[in-house]
Protein backbone atom coordinates (compact mmCIF):
# COMPACT_ATOMS: atom_id res chain seq x y z
CA UNK A 1 -159.01 -5.42 194.11
CA UNK A 2 -157.43 -2.05 193.33
CA UNK A 3 -153.69 -1.85 193.70
CA UNK A 4 -152.13 1.58 194.15
CA UNK A 5 -149.26 2.35 191.84
CA UNK A 6 -146.09 3.74 193.29
CA UNK A 7 -146.87 7.01 191.53
CA UNK A 8 -150.35 7.11 193.11
CA UNK A 9 -148.82 6.66 196.55
CA UNK A 10 -146.36 9.44 195.79
CA UNK A 11 -149.18 11.73 194.63
CA UNK A 12 -151.19 11.17 197.82
CA UNK A 13 -148.44 11.43 200.44
CA UNK A 14 -145.10 13.05 201.02
CA UNK A 15 -143.52 9.59 200.88
CA UNK A 16 -140.67 9.29 198.39
CA UNK A 17 -139.95 5.59 198.91
CA UNK A 18 -142.10 2.48 198.62
CA UNK A 19 -141.43 -1.15 199.50
CA UNK A 20 -142.83 -4.19 197.71
CA UNK A 21 -145.05 -6.26 199.97
CA UNK A 22 -145.83 -9.86 199.08
CA UNK A 23 -149.27 -10.63 200.53
CA UNK A 24 -149.75 -14.29 199.67
CA UNK A 25 -148.98 -17.13 202.05
CA UNK A 26 -147.08 -18.83 199.23
CA UNK A 27 -145.84 -16.07 196.90
CA UNK A 28 -144.38 -16.68 193.48
CA UNK A 29 -140.58 -16.83 193.35
CA UNK A 30 -140.55 -13.31 191.87
CA UNK A 31 -142.85 -11.81 194.51
CA UNK A 32 -140.89 -13.56 197.24
CA UNK A 33 -137.62 -12.11 195.86
CA UNK A 34 -139.15 -8.61 195.68
CA UNK A 35 -140.69 -8.72 199.17
CA UNK A 36 -139.29 -5.84 201.22
CA UNK A 37 -137.28 -4.33 198.35
CA UNK A 38 -137.34 -0.53 198.39
CA UNK A 39 -137.88 1.65 195.32
CA UNK A 40 -138.09 5.38 194.71
CA UNK A 41 -141.83 5.92 194.23
CA UNK A 42 -141.49 8.17 191.20
CA UNK A 43 -139.24 5.77 189.29
CA UNK A 44 -140.54 2.31 190.26
CA UNK A 45 -140.20 0.26 187.05
CA UNK A 46 -143.41 -1.77 187.54
CA UNK A 47 -146.53 -1.95 189.67
CA UNK A 48 -148.64 -4.75 191.11
CA UNK A 49 -150.31 -6.93 190.17
CA UNK A 50 -147.54 -8.64 188.21
CA UNK A 51 -149.77 -11.53 187.09
CA UNK A 52 -153.27 -12.96 187.55
CA UNK A 53 -153.70 -13.84 191.20
CA UNK A 54 -150.90 -11.55 192.41
CA UNK A 55 -151.96 -9.84 195.63
CA UNK A 56 -148.80 -7.83 196.25
CA UNK A 57 -148.91 -4.13 197.00
CA UNK A 58 -146.71 -1.17 197.74
CA UNK A 59 -146.12 -0.03 201.31
CA UNK A 60 -145.00 3.48 202.10
CA UNK A 61 -141.51 3.85 203.54
CA UNK A 62 -141.32 7.03 205.58
CA UNK A 63 -138.51 9.41 204.85
CA UNK A 64 -137.81 9.48 208.58
CA UNK A 65 -137.18 5.73 208.75
CA UNK A 66 -133.52 5.01 209.36
CA UNK A 67 -131.36 1.94 209.15
CA UNK A 68 -130.34 -0.34 206.33
CA UNK A 69 -132.49 -0.11 203.22
CA UNK A 70 -132.91 -3.19 201.03
CA UNK A 71 -132.87 -1.33 197.72
CA UNK A 72 -134.12 -3.11 194.59
CA UNK A 73 -131.19 -4.20 192.45
CA UNK A 74 -132.07 -5.86 189.12
CA UNK A 75 -128.54 -7.26 189.01
CA UNK A 76 -129.00 -9.18 192.26
CA UNK A 77 -128.31 -12.87 191.50
CA UNK A 78 -131.32 -14.44 189.79
CA UNK A 79 -133.46 -11.26 189.78
CA UNK A 80 -133.30 -10.58 186.02
CA UNK A 81 -134.30 -14.19 185.25
CA UNK A 82 -137.30 -13.97 187.61
CA UNK A 83 -138.36 -10.66 186.03
CA UNK A 84 -137.91 -12.05 182.51
CA UNK A 85 -140.16 -15.03 183.32
CA UNK A 86 -142.99 -12.51 183.79
CA UNK A 87 -142.01 -10.41 180.79
CA UNK A 88 -140.76 -7.52 182.93
CA UNK A 89 -137.80 -5.54 181.63
CA UNK A 90 -135.95 -3.04 183.79
């Protein structure tokens, strides 16, 4: 399965934001914590898949979408530990 990178999405659309989408019925704790988090497409610090069996993907977030945005924050409680478990540094 081919997973688009955030930069690929950015190159193919006018979208500047992407949201992490956890596709598994029972996602890993990291994928569950990232589900719905919004990133700037050109600076997303990692891309799916995060590990063997990861089926997560990026979803475009239209620039015209309004309302609260659940921005990715690596300092959110427990997030750095979950990232470190997978060897991801941000």
